[in-house]
Each structure stands twice: as structure tokens, then as C-alpha cells.
PDB file of N, CA and C in Angstrom:
ATOM      1  N   UNK A   1      -8.853 -16.836  -6.083  1.00  0.00           N
ATOM      2  CA  UNK A   1      -7.798 -15.946  -5.726  1.00  0.00           C
ATOM      3  C   UNK A   1      -6.625 -16.145  -6.663  1.00  0.00           C
ATOM      4  N   UNK A   2      -5.982 -15.034  -6.979  1.00  0.00           N
ATOM      5  CA  UNK A   2      -4.807 -15.102  -7.934  1.00  0.00           C
ATOM      6  C   UNK A   2      -3.669 -15.832  -7.265  1.00  0.00           C
ATOM      7  N   UNK A   3      -3.019 -16.666  -8.054  1.00  0.00           N
ATOM      8  CA  UNK A   3      -1.876 -17.387  -7.549  1.00  0.00           C
ATOM      9  C   UNK A   3      -0.756 -17.256  -8.587  1.00  0.00           C
ATOM     10  N   UNK A   4       0.451 -17.521  -8.141  1.00  0.00           N
ATOM     11  CA  UNK A   4       1.515 -17.570  -9.110  1.00  0.00           C
ATOM     12  C   UNK A   4       1.603 -18.959  -9.726  1.00  0.00           C
ATOM     13  N   UNK A   5       2.034 -18.986 -10.916  1.00  0.00           N
ATOM     14  CA  UNK A   5       2.088 -20.273 -11.651  1.00  0.00           C
ATOM     15  C   UNK A   5       3.006 -21.231 -10.918  1.00  0.00           C
ATOM     16  N   UNK A   6       2.550 -22.441 -10.770  1.00  0.00           N
ATOM     17  CA  UNK A   6       3.359 -23.477 -10.094  1.00  0.00           C
ATOM     18  C   UNK A   6       3.264 -23.554  -8.579  1.00  0.00           C
ATOM     19  N   UNK A   7       2.394 -22.748  -8.018  1.00  0.00           N
ATOM     20  CA  UNK A   7       2.237 -22.741  -6.556  1.00  0.00           C
ATOM     21  C   UNK A   7       0.780 -22.543  -6.210  1.00  0.00           C
ATOM     22  N   UNK A   8       0.399 -22.999  -5.037  1.00  0.00           N
ATOM     23  CA  UNK A   8      -0.958 -22.824  -4.576  1.00  0.00           C
ATOM     24  C   UNK A   8      -1.042 -21.599  -3.643  1.00  0.00           C
ATOM     25  N   UNK A   9       0.120 -20.980  -3.273  1.00  0.00           N
ATOM     26  CA  UNK A   9       0.023 -19.851  -2.393  1.00  0.00           C
ATOM     27  C   UNK A   9      -0.527 -18.621  -3.095  1.00  0.00           C
ATOM     28  N   UNK A  10      -1.425 -17.889  -2.385  1.00  0.00           N
ATOM     29  CA  UNK A  10      -1.954 -16.722  -3.017  1.00  0.00           C
ATOM     30  C   UNK A  10      -0.914 -15.684  -3.318  1.00  0.00           C
ATOM     31  N   UNK A  11      -1.110 -14.910  -4.332  1.00  0.00           N
ATOM     32  CA  UNK A  11      -0.176 -13.824  -4.703  1.00  0.00           C
ATOM     33  C   UNK A  11       0.053 -12.912  -3.584  1.00  0.00           C
ATOM     34  N   UNK A  12      -1.020 -12.523  -2.879  1.00  0.00           N
ATOM     35  CA  UNK A  12      -0.859 -11.559  -1.760  1.00  0.00           C
ATOM     36  C   UNK A  12       0.127 -12.106  -0.723  1.00  0.00           C
ATOM     37  N   UNK A  13      -0.017 -13.372  -0.381  1.00  0.00           N
ATOM     38  CA  UNK A  13       0.867 -14.009   0.634  1.00  0.00           C
ATOM     39  C   UNK A  13       2.296 -13.915   0.210  1.00  0.00           C
ATOM     40  N   UNK A  14       2.548 -14.104  -1.071  1.00  0.00           N
ATOM     41  CA  UNK A  14       3.917 -14.057  -1.543  1.00  0.00           C
ATOM     42  C   UNK A  14       4.432 -12.619  -1.515  1.00  0.00           C
ATOM     43  N   UNK A  15       3.583 -11.671  -1.968  1.00  0.00           N
ATOM     44  CA  UNK A  15       3.969 -10.238  -1.925  1.00  0.00           C
ATOM     45  C   UNK A  15       4.257  -9.818  -0.456  1.00  0.00           C
ATOM     46  N   UNK A  16       3.342 -10.176   0.439  1.00  0.00           N
ATOM     47  CA  UNK A  16       3.523  -9.825   1.820  1.00  0.00           C
ATOM     48  C   UNK A  16       4.797 -10.360   2.358  1.00  0.00           C
ATOM     49  N   UNK A  17       5.113 -11.658   2.144  1.00  0.00           N
ATOM     50  CA  UNK A  17       6.301 -12.236   2.700  1.00  0.00           C
ATOM     51  C   UNK A  17       7.557 -11.609   2.100  1.00  0.00           C
ATOM     52  N   UNK A  18       7.549 -11.340   0.814  1.00  0.00           N
ATOM     53  CA  UNK A  18       8.708 -10.705   0.178  1.00  0.00           C
ATOM     54  C   UNK A  18       8.892  -9.287   0.779  1.00  0.00           C
ATOM     55  N   UNK A  19       7.848  -8.511   0.936  1.00  0.00           N
ATOM     56  CA  UNK A  19       7.967  -7.204   1.501  1.00  0.00           C
ATOM     57  C   UNK A  19       8.464  -7.247   2.915  1.00  0.00           C
ATOM     58  N   UNK A  20       7.935  -8.123   3.753  1.00  0.00           N
ATOM     59  CA  UNK A  20       8.373  -8.242   5.108  1.00  0.00           C
ATOM     60  C   UNK A  20       9.821  -8.663   5.237  1.00  0.00           C
ATOM     61  N   UNK A  21      10.302  -9.451   4.292  1.00  0.00           N
ATOM     62  CA  UNK A  21      11.734  -9.822   4.289  1.00  0.00           C
ATOM     63  C   UNK A  21      12.633  -8.659   4.056  1.00  0.00           C
ATOM     64  N   UNK A  22      12.143  -7.644   3.348  1.00  0.00           N
ATOM     65  CA  UNK A  22      12.947  -6.448   3.022  1.00  0.00           C
ATOM     66  C   UNK A  22      12.652  -5.271   3.974  1.00  0.00           C
ATOM     67  N   UNK A  23      11.430  -5.073   4.311  1.00  0.00           N
ATOM     68  CA  UNK A  23      11.042  -3.884   5.055  1.00  0.00           C
ATOM     69  C   UNK A  23       9.999  -4.300   6.096  1.00  0.00           C
ATOM     70  N   UNK A  24      10.217  -3.878   7.323  1.00  0.00           N
ATOM     71  CA  UNK A  24       9.203  -4.112   8.323  1.00  0.00           C
ATOM     72  C   UNK A  24       8.136  -3.018   8.242  1.00  0.00           C
ATOM     73  N   UNK A  25       6.928  -3.453   8.261  1.00  0.00           N
ATOM     74  CA  UNK A  25       5.831  -2.470   8.137  1.00  0.00           C
ATOM     75  C   UNK A  25       5.926  -1.530   9.403  1.00  0.00           C
ATOM     76  N   UNK A  26       5.922  -0.280   9.188  1.00  0.00           N
ATOM     77  CA  UNK A  26       6.015   0.660  10.261  1.00  0.00           C
ATOM     78  C   UNK A  26       4.702   1.375  10.530  1.00  0.00           C
ATOM     79  N   UNK A  27       4.641   2.009  11.652  1.00  0.00           N
ATOM     80  CA  UNK A  27       3.472   2.856  11.936  1.00  0.00           C
ATOM     81  C   UNK A  27       3.461   4.096  11.109  1.00  0.00           C
ATOM     82  N   UNK A  28       4.634   4.636  10.777  1.00  0.00           N
ATOM     83  CA  UNK A  28       4.690   5.835  10.093  1.00  0.00           C
ATOM     84  C   UNK A  28       6.039   5.957   9.325  1.00  0.00           C
ATOM     85  N   UNK A  29       5.971   6.533   8.167  1.00  0.00           N
ATOM     86  CA  UNK A  29       7.189   6.866   7.382  1.00  0.00           C
ATOM     87  C   UNK A  29       7.492   8.375   7.656  1.00  0.00           C
ATOM     88  N   UNK A  30       8.736   8.699   7.565  1.00  0.00           N
ATOM     89  CA  UNK A  30       9.127  10.084   7.709  1.00  0.00           C
ATOM     90  C   UNK A  30       9.996  10.485   6.523  1.00  0.00           C
ATOM     91  N   UNK A  31       9.605  11.484   5.771  1.00  0.00           N
ATOM     92  CA  UNK A  31      10.417  11.992   4.681  1.00  0.00           C
ATOM     93  C   UNK A  31      11.040  13.265   5.158  1.00  0.00           C
ATOM     94  N   UNK A  32      12.344  13.383   5.148  1.00  0.00           N
ATOM     95  CA  UNK A  32      13.102  14.565   5.396  1.00  0.00           C
ATOM     96  C   UNK A  32      13.507  15.153   4.063  1.00  0.00           C
ATOM     97  N   UNK A  33      13.162  16.400   3.843  1.00  0.00           N
ATOM     98  CA  UNK A  33      13.433  16.994   2.553  1.00  0.00           C
ATOM     99  C   UNK A  33      13.820  18.462   2.661  1.00  0.00           C
ATOM    100  N   UNK A  34      14.689  18.908   1.759  1.00  0.00           N
ATOM    101  CA  UNK A  34      14.960  20.331   1.714  1.00  0.00           C
ATOM    102  C   UNK A  34      13.763  21.101   1.061  1.00  0.00           C
ATOM    103  N   UNK A  35      13.630  22.373   1.303  1.00  0.00           N
ATOM    104  CA  UNK A  35      12.496  23.083   0.858  1.00  0.00           C
ATOM    105  C   UNK A  35      12.477  23.314  -0.708  1.00  0.00           C
ATOM    106  N   UNK A  36      13.589  23.283  -1.321  1.00  0.00           N
ATOM    107  CA  UNK A  36      13.635  23.639  -2.784  1.00  0.00           C
ATOM    108  C   UNK A  36      13.965  22.442  -3.601  1.00  0.00           C
ATOM    109  N   UNK A  37      13.268  21.348  -3.393  1.00  0.00           N
ATOM    110  CA  UNK A  37      13.543  20.081  -4.085  1.00  0.00           C
ATOM    111  C   UNK A  37      12.259  19.536  -4.767  1.00  0.00           C
ATOM    112  N   UNK A  38      12.105  19.778  -6.096  1.00  0.00           N
ATOM    113  CA  UNK A  38      10.962  19.343  -6.803  1.00  0.00           C
ATOM    114  C   UNK A  38      10.760  17.804  -6.763  1.00  0.00           C
ATOM    115  N   UNK A  39      11.805  17.071  -6.817  1.00  0.00           N
ATOM    116  CA  UNK A  39      11.689  15.612  -6.715  1.00  0.00           C
ATOM    117  C   UNK A  39      11.161  15.214  -5.325  1.00  0.00           C
ATOM    118  N   UNK A  40      11.600  15.896  -4.345  1.00  0.00           N
ATOM    119  CA  UNK A  40      11.090  15.608  -2.968  1.00  0.00           C
ATOM    120  C   UNK A  40       9.631  15.937  -2.862  1.00  0.00           C
ATOM    121  N   UNK A  41       9.171  17.032  -3.546  1.00  0.00           N
ATOM    122  CA  UNK A  41       7.783  17.306  -3.562  1.00  0.00           C
ATOM    123  C   UNK A  41       6.966  16.156  -4.226  1.00  0.00           C
ATOM    124  N   UNK A  42       7.555  15.585  -5.209  1.00  0.00           N
ATOM    125  CA  UNK A  42       6.912  14.416  -5.869  1.00  0.00           C
ATOM    126  C   UNK A  42       6.793  13.240  -4.942  1.00  0.00           C
ATOM    127  N   UNK A  43       7.906  13.014  -4.132  1.00  0.00           N
ATOM    128  CA  UNK A  43       7.859  11.970  -3.125  1.00  0.00           C
ATOM    129  C   UNK A  43       6.747  12.222  -2.106  1.00  0.00           C
ATOM    130  N   UNK A  44       6.612  13.479  -1.673  1.00  0.00           N
ATOM    131  CA  UNK A  44       5.563  13.826  -0.740  1.00  0.00           C
ATOM    132  C   UNK A  44       4.220  13.566  -1.359  1.00  0.00           C
ATOM    133  N   UNK A  45       4.015  13.906  -2.596  1.00  0.00           N
ATOM    134  CA  UNK A  45       2.758  13.669  -3.278  1.00  0.00           C
ATOM    135  C   UNK A  45       2.413  12.138  -3.367  1.00  0.00           C
ATOM    136  N   UNK A  46       3.481  11.347  -3.615  1.00  0.00           N
ATOM    137  CA  UNK A  46       3.308   9.885  -3.690  1.00  0.00           C
ATOM    138  C   UNK A  46       2.851   9.352  -2.348  1.00  0.00           C
ATOM    139  N   UNK A  47       3.411   9.842  -1.272  1.00  0.00           N
ATOM    140  CA  UNK A  47       3.036   9.400   0.079  1.00  0.00           C
ATOM    141  C   UNK A  47       1.551   9.779   0.332  1.00  0.00           C
ATOM    142  N   UNK A  48       1.179  10.968  -0.060  1.00  0.00           N
ATOM    143  CA  UNK A  48      -0.222  11.369   0.092  1.00  0.00           C
ATOM    144  C   UNK A  48      -1.146  10.479  -0.726  1.00  0.00           C
ATOM    145  N   UNK A  49      -0.789  10.225  -1.960  1.00  0.00           N
ATOM    146  CA  UNK A  49      -1.598   9.369  -2.846  1.00  0.00           C
ATOM    147  C   UNK A  49      -1.755   7.993  -2.359  1.00  0.00           C
ATOM    148  N   UNK A  50      -0.719   7.441  -1.639  1.00  0.00           N
ATOM    149  CA  UNK A  50      -0.745   6.114  -1.118  1.00  0.00           C
ATOM    150  C   UNK A  50      -1.667   6.002   0.121  1.00  0.00           C
ATOM    151  N   UNK A  51      -1.958   7.124   0.722  1.00  0.00           N
ATOM    152  CA  UNK A  51      -2.796   7.194   1.938  1.00  0.00           C
ATOM    153  C   UNK A  51      -2.166   6.274   3.017  1.00  0.00           C
ATOM    154  N   UNK A  52      -0.914   6.443   3.280  1.00  0.00           N
ATOM    155  CA  UNK A  52      -0.242   5.753   4.352  1.00  0.00           C
ATOM    156  C   UNK A  52       0.174   6.777   5.371  1.00  0.00           C
ATOM    157  N   UNK A  53       0.282   6.333   6.666  1.00  0.00           N
ATOM    158  CA  UNK A  53       0.697   7.240   7.700  1.00  0.00           C
ATOM    159  C   UNK A  53       2.113   7.705   7.415  1.00  0.00           C
ATOM    160  N   UNK A  54       2.260   9.025   7.370  1.00  0.00           N
ATOM    161  CA  UNK A  54       3.609   9.574   7.137  1.00  0.00           C
ATOM    162  C   UNK A  54       3.658  11.004   7.642  1.00  0.00           C
ATOM    163  N   UNK A  55       4.863  11.437   7.719  1.00  0.00           N
ATOM    164  CA  UNK A  55       5.054  12.882   8.040  1.00  0.00           C
ATOM    165  C   UNK A  55       6.188  13.372   7.195  1.00  0.00           C
ATOM    166  N   UNK A  56       6.150  14.659   6.917  1.00  0.00           N
ATOM    167  CA  UNK A  56       7.196  15.324   6.084  1.00  0.00           C
ATOM    168  C   UNK A  56       7.819  16.371   6.922  1.00  0.00           C
ATOM    169  N   UNK A  57       9.154  16.310   6.990  1.00  0.00           N
ATOM    170  CA  UNK A  57       9.933  17.332   7.735  1.00  0.00           C
ATOM    171  C   UNK A  57      10.775  18.097   6.759  1.00  0.00           C
ATOM    172  N   UNK A  58      10.451  19.375   6.602  1.00  0.00           N
ATOM    173  CA  UNK A  58      11.193  20.212   5.707  1.00  0.00           C
ATOM    174  C   UNK A  58      12.391  20.759   6.462  1.00  0.00           C
ATOM    175  N   UNK A  59      13.612  20.509   5.967  1.00  0.00           N
ATOM    176  CA  UNK A  59      14.815  20.802   6.641  1.00  0.00           C
ATOM    177  C   UNK A  59      15.625  21.795   5.856  1.00  0.00           C
ATOM    178  N   UNK A  60      16.009  22.918   6.516  1.00  0.00           N
ATOM    179  CA  UNK A  60      16.877  23.879   5.848  1.00  0.00           C
ATOM    180  C   UNK A  60      18.250  23.237   5.667  1.00  0.00           C
ATOM    181  N   UNK A  61      18.924  23.589   4.569  1.00  0.00           N
ATOM    182  CA  UNK A  61      20.224  22.923   4.268  1.00  0.00           C
ATOM    183  C   UNK A  61      21.224  22.994   5.344  1.00  0.00           C
ATOM    184  N   UNK A  62      21.240  24.024   6.170  1.00  0.00           N
ATOM    185  CA  UNK A  62      22.182  24.176   7.213  1.00  0.00           C
ATOM    186  C   UNK A  62      21.731  23.624   8.565  1.00  0.00           C
ATOM    187  N   UNK A  63      20.490  23.089   8.571  1.00  0.00           N
ATOM    188  CA  UNK A  63      19.941  22.564   9.834  1.00  0.00           C
ATOM    189  C   UNK A  63      20.249  21.070  10.010  1.00  0.00           C
ATOM    190  N   UNK A  64      21.026  20.731  11.058  1.00  0.00           N
ATOM    191  CA  UNK A  64      21.331  19.323  11.318  1.00  0.00           C
ATOM    192  C   UNK A  64      20.030  18.622  11.797  1.00  0.00           C
ATOM    193  N   UNK A  65      19.901  17.379  11.388  1.00  0.00           N
ATOM    194  CA  UNK A  65      18.778  16.555  11.811  1.00  0.00           C
ATOM    195  C   UNK A  65      19.287  15.379  12.658  1.00  0.00           C
ATOM    196  N   UNK A  66      19.031  15.433  13.903  1.00  0.00           N
ATOM    197  CA  UNK A  66      19.509  14.408  14.847  1.00  0.00           C
ATOM    198  C   UNK A  66      19.103  12.993  14.395  1.00  0.00           C
ATOM    199  N   UNK A  67      17.868  12.866  13.960  1.00  0.00           N
ATOM    200  CA  UNK A  67      17.379  11.536  13.555  1.00  0.00           C
ATOM    201  C   UNK A  67      18.133  10.920  12.367  1.00  0.00           C
ATOM    202  N   UNK A  68      18.750  11.812  11.563  1.00  0.00           N
ATOM    203  CA  UNK A  68      19.491  11.328  10.378  1.00  0.00           C
ATOM    204  C   UNK A  68      20.975  11.072  10.641  1.00  0.00           C
ATOM    205  N   UNK A  69      21.431  11.420  11.822  1.00  0.00           N
ATOM    206  CA  UNK A  69      22.852  11.148  12.188  1.00  0.00           C
ATOM    207  C   UNK A  69      23.850  11.511  11.135  1.00  0.00           C
ATOM    208  N   UNK A  70      23.738  12.769  10.652  1.00  0.00           N
ATOM    209  CA  UNK A  70      24.689  13.302   9.673  1.00  0.00           C
ATOM    210  C   UNK A  70      24.365  13.088   8.234  1.00  0.00           C
ATOM    211  N   UNK A  71      23.293  12.357   7.923  1.00  0.00           N
ATOM    212  CA  UNK A  71      22.914  12.170   6.548  1.00  0.00           C
ATOM    213  C   UNK A  71      22.144  13.406   6.016  1.00  0.00           C
ATOM    214  N   UNK A  72      22.535  13.804   4.857  1.00  0.00           N
ATOM    215  CA  UNK A  72      21.968  14.996   4.230  1.00  0.00           C
ATOM    216  C   UNK A  72      20.650  14.633   3.522  1.00  0.00           C
ATOM    217  N   UNK A  73      19.581  15.314   3.807  1.00  0.00           N
ATOM    218  CA  UNK A  73      18.302  15.085   3.084  1.00  0.00           C
ATOM    219  C   UNK A  73      18.451  15.278   1.613  1.00  0.00           C
ATOM    220  N   UNK A  74      17.638  14.648   0.766  1.00  0.00           N
ATOM    221  CA  UNK A  74      16.461  13.932   1.147  1.00  0.00           C
ATOM    222  C   UNK A  74      16.754  12.516   1.699  1.00  0.00           C
ATOM    223  N   UNK A  75      15.916  12.148   2.613  1.00  0.00           N
ATOM    224  CA  UNK A  75      16.022  10.826   3.212  1.00  0.00           C
ATOM    225  C   UNK A  75      14.577  10.361   3.657  1.00  0.00           C
ATOM    226  N   UNK A  76      14.357   9.099   3.568  1.00  0.00           N
ATOM    227  CA  UNK A  76      13.064   8.499   3.980  1.00  0.00           C
ATOM    228  C   UNK A  76      13.371   7.477   5.017  1.00  0.00           C
ATOM    229  N   UNK A  77      12.707   7.611   6.176  1.00  0.00           N
ATOM    230  CA  UNK A  77      12.857   6.605   7.244  1.00  0.00           C
ATOM    231  C   UNK A  77      11.642   5.751   7.264  1.00  0.00           C
ATOM    232  N   UNK A  78      11.820   4.460   7.261  1.00  0.00           N
ATOM    233  CA  UNK A  78      10.732   3.522   7.304  1.00  0.00           C
ATOM    234  C   UNK A  78      11.106   2.464   8.367  1.00  0.00           C
ATOM    235  N   UNK A  79      10.529   2.642   9.538  1.00  0.00           N
ATOM    236  CA  UNK A  79      10.731   1.675  10.679  1.00  0.00           C
ATOM    237  C   UNK A  79      12.274   1.463  10.962  1.00  0.00           C
ATOM    238  N   UNK A  80      12.996   2.515  11.106  1.00  0.00           N
ATOM    239  CA  UNK A  80      14.430   2.402  11.496  1.00  0.00           C
ATOM    240  C   UNK A  80      15.331   2.315  10.297  1.00  0.00           C
ATOM    241  N   UNK A  81      14.808   1.999   9.099  1.00  0.00           N
ATOM    242  CA  UNK A  81      15.596   1.928   7.937  1.00  0.00           C
ATOM    243  C   UNK A  81      15.638   3.289   7.298  1.00  0.00           C
ATOM    244  N   UNK A  82      16.808   3.817   6.971  1.00  0.00           N
ATOM    245  CA  UNK A  82      16.948   5.113   6.328  1.00  0.00           C
ATOM    246  C   UNK A  82      17.370   4.925   4.872  1.00  0.00           C
ATOM    247  N   UNK A  83      16.532   5.446   3.981  1.00  0.00           N
ATOM    248  CA  UNK A  83      16.761   5.316   2.545  1.00  0.00           C
ATOM    249  C   UNK A  83      17.227   6.734   2.114  1.00  0.00           C
ATOM    250  N   UNK A  84      18.299   6.823   1.403  1.00  0.00           N
ATOM    251  CA  UNK A  84      18.818   8.111   0.961  1.00  0.00           C
ATOM    252  C   UNK A  84      19.005   8.130  -0.550  1.00  0.00           C
ATOM    253  N   UNK A  85      18.964   9.330  -1.057  1.00  0.00           N
ATOM    254  CA  UNK A  85      19.210   9.530  -2.518  1.00  0.00           C
ATOM    255  C   UNK A  85      17.875   9.390  -3.309  1.00  0.00           C
ATOM    256  N   UNK A  86      17.802  10.168  -4.353  1.00  0.00           N
ATOM    257  CA  UNK A  86      16.535  10.275  -5.091  1.00  0.00           C
ATOM    258  C   UNK A  86      16.134   8.859  -5.686  1.00  0.00           C
ATOM    259  N   UNK A  87      17.114   8.189  -6.293  1.00  0.00           N
ATOM    260  CA  UNK A  87      16.740   6.882  -6.936  1.00  0.00           C
ATOM    261  C   UNK A  87      16.318   5.851  -5.890  1.00  0.00           C
ATOM    262  N   UNK A  88      17.036   5.797  -4.813  1.00  0.00           N
ATOM    263  CA  UNK A  88      16.712   4.812  -3.777  1.00  0.00           C
ATOM    264  C   UNK A  88      15.359   5.066  -3.162  1.00  0.00           C
ATOM    265  N   UNK A  89      15.072   6.330  -2.863  1.00  0.00           N
ATOM    266  CA  UNK A  89      13.755   6.711  -2.360  1.00  0.00           C
ATOM    267  C   UNK A  89      12.631   6.351  -3.344  1.00  0.00           C
ATOM    268  N   UNK A  90      12.861   6.704  -4.592  1.00  0.00           N
ATOM    269  CA  UNK A  90      11.848   6.406  -5.616  1.00  0.00           C
ATOM    270  C   UNK A  90      11.582   4.901  -5.687  1.00  0.00           C
ATOM    271  N   UNK A  91      12.651   4.078  -5.655  1.00  0.00           N
ATOM    272  CA  UNK A  91      12.506   2.665  -5.689  1.00  0.00           C
ATOM    273  C   UNK A  91      11.765   2.121  -4.491  1.00  0.00           C
ATOM    274  N   UNK A  92      12.102   2.664  -3.283  1.00  0.00           N
ATOM    275  CA  UNK A  92      11.385   2.217  -2.069  1.00  0.00           C
ATOM    276  C   UNK A  92       9.929   2.565  -2.194  1.00  0.00           C
ATOM    277  N   UNK A  93       9.573   3.761  -2.641  1.00  0.00           N
ATOM    278  CA  UNK A  93       8.177   4.166  -2.783  1.00  0.00           C
ATOM    279  C   UNK A  93       7.441   3.313  -3.788  1.00  0.00           C
ATOM    280  N   UNK A  94       8.134   2.904  -4.869  1.00  0.00           N
ATOM    281  CA  UNK A  94       7.487   2.087  -5.867  1.00  0.00           C
ATOM    282  C   UNK A  94       7.211   0.698  -5.268  1.00  0.00           C
ATOM    283  N   UNK A  95       8.126   0.161  -4.496  1.00  0.00           N
ATOM    284  CA  UNK A  95       7.920  -1.089  -3.810  1.00  0.00           C
ATOM    285  C   UNK A  95       6.730  -1.006  -2.821  1.00  0.00           C
ATOM    286  N   UNK A  96       6.713   0.092  -2.060  1.00  0.00           N
ATOM    287  CA  UNK A  96       5.609   0.310  -1.165  1.00  0.00           C
ATOM    288  C   UNK A  96       4.287   0.446  -1.877  1.00  0.00           C
ATOM    289  N   UNK A  97       4.312   1.116  -3.005  1.00  0.00           N
ATOM    290  CA  UNK A  97       3.060   1.278  -3.837  1.00  0.00           C
ATOM    291  C   UNK A  97       2.555  -0.098  -4.252  1.00  0.00           C
ATOM    292  N   UNK A  98       3.399  -0.978  -4.723  1.00  0.00           N
ATOM    293  CA  UNK A  98       3.028  -2.339  -5.120  1.00  0.00           C
ATOM    294  C   UNK A  98       2.466  -3.079  -3.925  1.00  0.00           C
ATOM    295  N   UNK A  99       3.135  -2.968  -2.817  1.00  0.00           N
ATOM    296  CA  UNK A  99       2.683  -3.708  -1.602  1.00  0.00           C
ATOM    297  C   UNK A  99       1.319  -3.199  -1.159  1.00  0.00           C
ATOM    298  N   UNK A 100       1.150  -1.871  -1.084  1.00  0.00           N
ATOM    299  CA  UNK A 100      -0.131  -1.272  -0.650  1.00  0.00           C
ATOM    300  C   UNK A 100      -1.273  -1.688  -1.630  1.00  0.00           C
ATOM    301  N   UNK A 101      -1.015  -1.696  -2.907  1.00  0.00           N
ATOM    302  CA  UNK A 101      -2.053  -2.073  -3.842  1.00  0.00           C
ATOM    303  C   UNK A 101      -2.466  -3.531  -3.654  1.00  0.00           C
ATOM    304  N   UNK A 102      -1.495  -4.415  -3.418  1.00  0.00           N
ATOM    305  CA  UNK A 102      -1.855  -5.791  -3.184  1.00  0.00           C
ATOM    306  C   UNK A 102      -2.575  -5.981  -1.880  1.00  0.00           C
ATOM    307  N   UNK A 103      -2.131  -5.249  -0.876  1.00  0.00           N
ATOM    308  CA  UNK A 103      -2.778  -5.323   0.457  1.00  0.00           C
ATOM    309  C   UNK A 103      -4.230  -4.938   0.339  1.00  0.00           C
ATOM    310  N   UNK A 104      -4.449  -3.864  -0.339  1.00  0.00           N
ATOM    311  CA  UNK A 104      -5.812  -3.384  -0.484  1.00  0.00           C
ATOM    312  C   UNK A 104      -6.692  -4.261  -1.367  1.00  0.00           C
ATOM    313  N   UNK A 105      -6.100  -4.807  -2.361  1.00  0.00           N
ATOM    314  CA  UNK A 105      -6.827  -5.730  -3.270  1.00  0.00           C
ATOM    315  C   UNK A 105      -7.261  -6.994  -2.539  1.00  0.00           C
ATOM    316  N   UNK A 106      -6.373  -7.630  -1.859  1.00  0.00           N
ATOM    317  CA  UNK A 106      -6.627  -8.958  -1.300  1.00  0.00           C
ATOM    318  C   UNK A 106      -7.128  -8.936   0.143  1.00  0.00           C
ATOM    319  N   UNK A 107      -7.008  -7.812   0.823  1.00  0.00           N
ATOM    320  CA  UNK A 107      -7.404  -7.807   2.279  1.00  0.00           C
ATOM    321  C   UNK A 107      -8.592  -6.947   2.530  1.00  0.00           C
ATOM    322  N   UNK A 108      -9.385  -6.594   1.528  1.00  0.00           N
ATOM    323  CA  UNK A 108     -10.541  -5.779   1.722  1.00  0.00           C
ATOM    324  C   UNK A 108     -11.780  -6.689   1.831  1.00  0.00           C
ATOM    325  N   UNK A 109     -12.894  -6.032   2.189  1.00  0.00           N
ATOM    326  CA  UNK A 109     -14.182  -6.743   2.247  1.00  0.00           C
ATOM    327  C   UNK A 109     -14.790  -7.024   0.911  1.00  0.00           C
ATOM    328  N   UNK A 110     -14.304  -6.345  -0.111  1.00  0.00           N
ATOM    329  CA  UNK A 110     -14.907  -6.448  -1.451  1.00  0.00           C
ATOM    330  C   UNK A 110     -14.452  -7.692  -2.149  1.00  0.00           C
ATOM    331  N   UNK A 111     -15.267  -8.193  -3.019  1.00  0.00           N
ATOM    332  CA  UNK A 111     -14.840  -9.280  -3.905  1.00  0.00           C
ATOM    333  C   UNK A 111     -14.062  -8.674  -5.088  1.00  0.00           C
ATOM    334  N   UNK A 112     -13.318  -9.441  -5.745  1.00  0.00           N
ATOM    335  CA  UNK A 112     -12.542  -9.005  -6.898  1.00  0.00           C
ATOM    336  C   UNK A 112     -12.524 -10.132  -7.946  1.00  0.00           C
ATOM    337  N   UNK A 113     -12.147  -9.772  -9.107  1.00  0.00           N
ATOM    338  CA  UNK A 113     -11.968 -10.774 -10.186  1.00  0.00           C
ATOM    339  C   UNK A 113     -10.535 -10.883 -10.537  1.00  0.00           C
ATOM    340  N   UNK A 114     -10.010 -12.083 -10.433  1.00  0.00           N
ATOM    341  CA  UNK A 114      -8.589 -12.295 -10.705  1.00  0.00           C
ATOM    342  C   UNK A 114      -8.344 -12.362 -12.192  1.00  0.00           C
ATOM    343  N   UNK A 115      -7.113 -12.617 -12.564  1.00  0.00           N
ATOM    344  CA  UNK A 115      -6.747 -12.623 -13.993  1.00  0.00           C
ATOM    345  C   UNK A 115      -7.440 -13.713 -14.805  1.00  0.00           C
ATOM    346  N   UNK A 116      -7.901 -14.750 -14.120  1.00  0.00           N
ATOM    347  CA  UNK A 116      -8.611 -15.859 -14.791  1.00  0.00           C
ATOM    348  C   UNK A 116     -10.133 -15.680 -14.841  1.00  0.00           C
ATOM    349  N   UNK A 117     -10.614 -14.536 -14.289  1.00  0.00           N
ATOM    350  CA  UNK A 117     -12.011 -14.322 -14.273  1.00  0.00           C
ATOM    351  C   UNK A 117     -12.748 -14.901 -13.115  1.00  0.00           C
ATOM    352  N   UNK A 118     -12.043 -15.486 -12.139  1.00  0.00           N
ATOM    353  CA  UNK A 118     -12.603 -16.051 -10.965  1.00  0.00           C
ATOM    354  C   UNK A 118     -12.931 -14.948  -9.943  1.00  0.00           C
ATOM    355  N   UNK A 119     -14.013 -15.128  -9.175  1.00  0.00           N
ATOM    356  CA  UNK A 119     -14.339 -14.193  -8.137  1.00  0.00           C
ATOM    357  C   UNK A 119     -14.152 -14.824  -6.801  1.00  0.00           C
ATOM    358  N   UNK A 120     -14.108 -13.970  -5.790  1.00  0.00           N
ATOM    359  CA  UNK A 120     -13.920 -14.527  -4.473  1.00  0.00           C
ATOM    360  C   UNK A 120     -15.167 -15.136  -3.917  1.00  0.00           C
TER     361      UNK A 120
END
């Protein structure tokens, strides 16, 4: 199993602990987006590609969203945490992408080969 240099803890355990310290894993993410936002469409595509539970709510610019408490979309909600702004949402999705990849790599039934050529 892959480990970080100087530690016996598996890489997945470290990634999981770091992720849980920042974000609680939720049952579903919700992306609130305006209809005419190409970047938001890319966020939606990323969520689809990650194959994680999510929903997308397309919000007209003049439509208030009670769940956002006055925040203007785009916004991503992840277990009570609201991430706003294109850069912050992109960073959150990148972190989620890294976490999901590690989760699937280390928590599947399949064997894998780590960086040193070792198998499970």
C-alpha cells in the first residue's frame, strides 16, 4: 500500500483524515447556478464526471433562493458548507476530485500497484 515518506500510515488514511478535517462527507452536493453561466456548466459536468450524488438547481437571476440566505449564485453546498465564487467552487471540486480518486483507488475490491510496484 502506498505510504507517505517517513510514516507507516497509508496515503488513503491521510487523505481521508485531511478531507474530513475540512469537509464533512455529505449525502449530496447542491450546485445553484444561473442559466447563462458557462463556468457553472463546467462545474455541473465535473460533478457528473465524479459520479457523486448531487443536484443542480438553475436559478433565474431575480429568483431568491431561501437555502442560500441572500447569497447570489453560483454557489455549491456541501453538507451545510456554502462555497461561493468561481475560484472557490473550482478549488473545492478539485479537492473533492482528489479525495474521490483516492477513495476509489484504496477502498475498492480490486488490487492495485503502488508507486514502488507493490501489489495488494
